Amino acid sequence: MPASAAAADAGVLWSAALQRALGRAAHDVKDALNGVSVNLEVVRSRAARAEAPASAVAPFADAAAHQLERLTGLLEAVLALGRTEREPADVGITLRRIATLCSASNAATDARVIVRDVAVGDTRTRVPGDVVRLALIAPLLDAVADRRGERRDSVECEVASEDDSVVVRLDAGRPVAMPSEVAEPLRAAGVTWSASAHDLSLVFPRA
């Protein structure tokens, strides 16, 4: 597959995967907005009482702040992923955005995505931005989904710079496969991967 065709295919596949992820995240966005609204209304009503101590509103203010922080992180990830990726793409930065989006779900049984902090070095790659995004989101969406009761609380991710490559490891505690429909454009762009019984390792050539 020519590089230009692979990039075009990756762009289409990335758009479809992003829509799927946004559909999953809609519940979390609405839930966080409702949490902020309800807790702020309690703060407003209680603070209006002259005799009310600060301790009466503090827990609700804290809850509103927590929900707002959750919502802000998700919206920042969505806005960043909605823009054209700056080249050369940074695998580490992109992974954190994708992880934030994939952690949002309308199913309580879906796993959360945790990105472990490690000494990673330079994680920029010469792989086009849409291909990087696709390579990360395609297996992660599969990894976080509850499958036949095989519940896992989290999918752990690590990114590291090794020689001439940037390596991302997705540990779901069970097999994680790269979806077949995205394999060809990823390979054409230089992305490789290997799977084991409990994780998937992605390799991106460094910029």
Protein backbone atom coordinates (compact mmCIF):
# COMPACT_ATOMS: atom_id res chain seq x y z
CA MET A 1 0.00 0.00 0.00
CA PRO A 2 1.48 3.41 -1.00
CA ALA A 3 2.22 5.75 1.91
CA SER A 4 -0.33 8.34 0.72
CA ALA A 5 -3.09 5.74 0.48
CA ALA A 6 -2.17 4.33 3.89
CA ALA A 7 -2.34 7.79 5.45
CA ALA A 8 -5.74 8.43 3.86
CA ASP A 9 -7.08 5.08 5.08
CA ALA A 10 -5.69 5.75 8.55
CA GLY A 11 -7.46 9.12 8.62
CA VAL A 12 -10.81 7.54 7.79
CA LEU A 13 -10.33 4.73 10.32
CA TRP A 14 -9.19 7.20 13.00
CA SER A 15 -12.31 9.32 12.44
CA ALA A 16 -14.52 6.25 12.88
CA ALA A 17 -12.67 5.16 16.03
CA LEU A 18 -12.89 8.68 17.48
CA GLN A 19 -16.65 8.73 16.92
CA ARG A 20 -16.95 5.38 18.68
CA ALA A 21 -14.90 6.63 21.63
CA LEU A 22 -16.92 9.84 21.85
CA GLY A 23 -20.12 7.83 21.89
CA ARG A 24 -18.80 5.83 24.82
CA ALA A 25 -17.73 9.02 26.63
CA ALA A 26 -21.06 10.83 26.35
CA HIS A 27 -22.39 9.34 29.59
CA ASP A 28 -19.33 10.43 31.56
CA VAL A 29 -19.61 13.99 30.22
CA LYS A 30 -23.29 14.23 31.16
CA ASP A 31 -22.65 12.62 34.54
CA ALA A 32 -19.86 15.08 35.36
CA LEU A 33 -21.93 18.07 34.23
CA ASN A 34 -24.83 16.91 36.37
CA GLY A 35 -22.50 16.39 39.34
CA VAL A 36 -21.15 19.93 39.07
CA SER A 37 -24.64 21.39 38.71
CA VAL A 38 -26.19 19.49 41.61
CA ASN A 39 -23.34 20.12 44.04
CA LEU A 40 -23.11 23.83 43.19
CA GLU A 41 -26.85 24.19 43.73
CA VAL A 42 -26.46 22.67 47.21
CA VAL A 43 -23.57 25.06 47.92
CA ARG A 44 -25.67 28.02 46.74
CA SER A 45 -28.72 27.12 48.77
CA ARG A 46 -26.82 26.35 51.98
CA ALA A 47 -24.53 29.36 51.67
CA ALA A 48 -27.61 31.58 51.50
CA ARG A 49 -28.39 30.73 55.12
CA ALA A 50 -26.74 33.26 57.39
CA GLU A 51 -26.30 30.73 60.19
CA ALA A 52 -24.78 28.00 57.97
CA PRO A 53 -21.15 27.18 58.85
CA ALA A 54 -18.56 26.75 56.11
CA SER A 55 -18.35 23.08 56.99
CA ALA A 56 -21.90 22.63 55.77
CA VAL A 57 -20.98 23.47 52.18
CA ALA A 58 -17.35 22.33 51.98
CA PRO A 59 -18.06 18.66 51.04
CA PHE A 60 -20.35 19.73 48.20
CA ALA A 61 -17.85 22.32 46.94
CA ASP A 62 -15.15 19.65 46.96
CA ALA A 63 -17.40 17.26 45.06
CA ALA A 64 -18.17 19.91 42.45
CA ALA A 65 -14.46 20.67 42.07
CA HIS A 66 -13.68 16.98 41.60
CA GLN A 67 -16.35 16.58 38.93
CA LEU A 68 -15.18 19.75 37.17
CA GLU A 69 -11.59 18.49 37.15
CA ARG A 70 -12.76 15.20 35.66
CA LEU A 71 -14.79 17.00 33.01
CA THR A 72 -11.99 19.45 32.18
CA GLY A 73 -9.48 16.65 31.62
CA LEU A 74 -11.84 14.81 29.29
CA LEU A 75 -12.79 17.91 27.29
CA GLU A 76 -9.13 18.95 26.94
CA ALA A 77 -8.35 15.50 25.52
CA VAL A 78 -11.30 15.67 23.12
CA LEU A 79 -10.36 19.14 21.89
CA ALA A 80 -6.73 18.14 21.36
CA LEU A 81 -7.71 14.98 19.49
CA GLY A 82 -10.15 16.95 17.35
CA ARG A 83 -7.32 19.10 15.99
CA THR A 84 -4.67 18.12 13.47
CA GLU A 85 -1.73 16.49 15.24
CA ARG A 86 1.45 18.55 15.36
CA GLU A 87 4.29 16.82 13.49
CA PRO A 88 6.39 15.01 14.46
CA ALA A 89 3.74 13.39 16.63
CA ASP A 90 4.64 12.73 20.27
CA VAL A 91 3.59 9.19 21.17
CA GLY A 92 3.65 9.85 24.91
CA ILE A 93 1.41 12.93 24.73
CA THR A 94 -0.97 11.23 22.30
CA LEU A 95 -1.18 8.14 24.52
CA ARG A 96 -2.30 10.23 27.53
CA ARG A 97 -5.04 11.91 25.49
CA ILE A 98 -6.25 8.61 24.07
CA ALA A 99 -6.13 7.02 27.53
CA THR A 100 -8.29 9.81 28.98
CA LEU A 101 -10.87 9.38 26.24
CA CYS A 102 -10.90 5.57 26.38
CA SER A 103 -11.36 5.66 30.17
CA ALA A 104 -14.68 7.43 29.73
CA SER A 105 -17.56 5.01 29.25
CA ASN A 106 -21.26 4.51 29.85
CA ALA A 107 -20.58 1.00 31.20
CA ALA A 108 -19.51 0.66 34.81
CA THR A 109 -17.89 -2.69 34.01
CA ASP A 110 -15.47 -1.22 31.45
CA ALA A 111 -11.86 -0.88 32.58
CA ARG A 112 -10.07 2.41 33.14
CA VAL A 113 -6.80 3.24 31.39
CA ILE A 114 -3.78 4.09 33.52
CA VAL A 115 -0.59 5.52 32.00
CA ARG A 116 2.36 4.70 34.23
CA ASP A 117 5.01 7.37 34.69
CA VAL A 118 8.39 6.09 33.57
CA ALA A 119 11.62 7.72 32.38
CA VAL A 120 10.73 7.77 28.70
CA GLY A 121 13.07 10.22 26.96
CA ASP A 122 12.11 11.54 23.53
CA THR A 123 8.89 9.87 22.32
CA ARG A 124 8.40 11.68 19.03
CA THR A 125 7.91 9.54 15.95
CA ARG A 126 8.09 10.00 12.20
CA VAL A 127 4.79 8.12 11.86
CA PRO A 128 1.94 10.49 10.82
CA GLY A 129 -0.23 11.74 13.67
CA ASP A 130 -3.48 10.09 12.57
CA VAL A 131 -1.67 6.75 12.28
CA VAL A 132 -0.26 7.12 15.82
CA ARG A 133 -3.72 7.91 17.15
CA LEU A 134 -5.27 4.97 15.30
CA ALA A 135 -2.58 2.55 16.47
CA LEU A 136 -3.27 3.50 20.10
CA ILE A 137 -7.05 3.84 20.14
CA ALA A 138 -7.93 0.72 18.13
CA PRO A 139 -6.53 -1.86 20.60
CA LEU A 140 -7.35 0.25 23.67
CA LEU A 141 -11.04 0.40 22.83
CA ASP A 142 -11.03 -3.38 22.69
CA ALA A 143 -8.95 -3.71 25.85
CA VAL A 144 -11.21 -1.58 28.05
CA ALA A 145 -14.47 -3.22 27.00
CA ASP A 146 -16.04 -5.78 29.32
CA ARG A 147 -16.19 -9.08 27.46
CA ARG A 148 -18.45 -11.83 28.78
CA GLY A 149 -17.85 -10.92 32.38
CA GLU A 150 -14.05 -10.81 32.04
CA ARG A 151 -13.91 -7.72 34.21
CA ARG A 152 -10.62 -5.93 34.78
CA ASP A 153 -10.38 -2.71 36.78
CA SER A 154 -7.67 -1.14 34.63
CA VAL A 155 -5.53 -1.39 31.53
CA GLU A 156 -2.00 -0.28 32.29
CA CYS A 157 0.09 1.52 29.67
CA GLU A 158 3.76 2.35 29.54
CA VAL A 159 5.72 4.26 26.92
CA ALA A 160 9.49 4.25 26.58
CA SER A 161 12.18 5.31 24.13
CA GLU A 162 14.37 2.37 23.13
CA ASP A 163 17.24 2.81 20.65
CA ASP A 164 15.60 4.06 17.44
CA SER A 165 12.05 3.24 18.50
CA VAL A 166 9.27 4.37 20.81
CA VAL A 167 7.59 1.40 22.48
CA VAL A 168 4.11 1.40 24.03
CA ARG A 169 3.01 -1.57 26.13
CA LEU A 170 -0.68 -2.13 26.85
CA ASP A 171 -1.23 -4.59 29.71
CA ALA A 172 -4.85 -5.70 30.04
CA GLY A 173 -4.21 -8.96 31.90
CA ARG A 174 -5.62 -10.81 28.91
CA PRO A 175 -4.89 -10.98 25.18
CA VAL A 176 -5.21 -7.67 23.35
CA ALA A 177 -5.29 -7.86 19.56
CA MET A 178 -4.75 -5.23 16.93
CA PRO A 179 -8.04 -5.09 14.97
CA SER A 180 -7.53 -6.55 11.52
CA GLU A 181 -9.16 -3.62 9.71
CA VAL A 182 -6.44 -1.20 10.86
CA ALA A 183 -3.43 -3.49 10.40
CA GLU A 184 -2.51 -2.69 6.80
CA PRO A 185 -2.31 1.14 7.05
CA LEU A 186 -0.38 0.83 10.32
CA ARG A 187 2.21 -1.50 8.81
CA ALA A 188 2.49 0.71 5.72
CA ALA A 189 3.36 3.64 7.99
CA GLY A 190 6.06 1.67 9.81
CA VAL A 191 4.20 0.66 12.98
CA THR A 192 4.82 -2.88 14.22
CA TRP A 193 3.41 -4.80 17.16
CA SER A 194 3.57 -8.09 19.02
CA ALA A 195 1.08 -9.72 21.38
CA SER A 196 1.41 -12.04 24.34
CA ALA A 197 -1.10 -13.73 26.63
CA HIS A 198 -1.70 -10.53 28.59
CA ASP A 199 -0.38 -7.51 26.68
CA LEU A 200 0.30 -5.83 23.37
CA SER A 201 3.51 -3.99 22.50
CA LEU A 202 3.51 -1.32 19.80
CA VAL A 203 6.71 -0.07 18.18
CA PHE A 204 6.96 3.31 16.44
CA PRO A 205 10.14 4.46 14.61
CA ARG A 206 11.52 7.55 16.31
CA ALA A 207 11.65 10.89 14.55
